[in-house]
Protein backbone atom coordinates (compact mmCIF):
# COMPACT_ATOMS: atom_id res chain seq x y z
CA MET A 1 0.10 -0.19 0.07
CA SER A 2 1.24 3.35 -0.93
CA ASN A 3 1.24 6.39 1.30
CA CYS A 4 1.23 8.56 -2.46
CA ALA A 5 -1.98 9.67 -3.89
CA ASN A 6 -3.11 12.53 -5.93
CA GLY A 7 0.60 13.76 -6.43
CA SER A 8 1.15 14.31 -2.60
CA CYS A 9 3.49 11.78 -0.52
CA THR A 10 3.58 10.85 3.05
CA PRO A 11 7.29 9.92 3.56
CA ASN A 12 7.77 6.73 5.42
CA ARG A 13 10.90 7.55 7.73
CA SER A 14 12.15 4.05 8.08
CA ILE A 15 12.71 3.79 4.02
CA LYS A 16 15.27 6.40 2.81
CA CYS A 17 15.27 6.59 -0.93
CA THR A 18 16.99 8.79 -3.55
CA VAL A 19 15.63 7.48 -6.90
CA SER A 20 13.82 10.59 -7.84
CA ASN A 21 11.88 8.92 -10.94
CA CYS A 22 10.09 6.26 -9.05
CA ALA A 23 6.46 6.96 -8.49
CA TYR A 24 6.80 6.31 -4.66
CA HIS A 25 9.72 8.68 -4.17
CA CYS A 26 8.62 11.58 -1.94
CA ALA A 27 9.93 14.63 -3.80
CA ASP A 28 12.61 16.97 -1.89
CA GLN A 29 12.36 14.59 0.88
CA GLN A 30 14.58 11.44 -0.13
CA TYR A 31 12.01 8.94 1.52
CA CYS A 32 9.75 6.24 0.20
CA GLY A 33 6.17 6.63 0.54
CA LEU A 34 5.50 2.92 0.54
CA ASN A 35 4.45 1.26 3.75
CA SER A 36 7.06 -1.42 2.93
CA ILE A 37 9.27 -2.48 -0.06
CA GLN A 38 10.47 -5.58 -1.30
CA VAL A 39 14.20 -6.10 -1.79
CA GLY A 40 15.33 -8.75 -4.24
CA THR A 41 18.43 -9.62 -6.19
CA HIS A 42 19.39 -10.31 -9.91
CA GLU A 43 22.33 -12.35 -9.09
CA ALA A 44 22.47 -16.13 -7.93
CA ASN A 45 24.93 -15.17 -5.30
CA PRO A 46 25.00 -11.64 -3.96
CA THR A 47 27.97 -9.88 -2.94
CA LYS A 48 27.66 -6.28 -3.24
CA SER A 49 25.09 -3.76 -2.64
CA GLN A 50 24.86 -3.29 -6.54
CA CYS A 51 23.59 -6.74 -6.60
CA VAL A 52 20.40 -5.98 -5.13
CA ASP A 53 17.31 -4.04 -6.23
CA CYS A 54 14.10 -2.41 -4.77
CA GLU A 55 11.67 -4.73 -6.53
CA SER A 56 8.69 -2.31 -5.45
CA PHE A 57 10.27 0.45 -8.09
CA LYS A 58 7.67 1.80 -10.26
CA LEU A 59 8.57 4.44 -12.88
CA LYS A 60 6.67 7.81 -12.59
CA GLY A 61 4.43 8.30 -15.24
């Protein structure tokens, strides 16, 4: 569930985010507007932070 509706966003201060082109990014606040996120990986054996992904990402549109 999202805290983002009608262009406004309630930041979830437990989820910091700098991905400004995500639909759930709270503009100018560097937080996510979702209640929770799903984190996953595109690697069989992740060893670096670059190997993990926010699977809750949705492109602004």
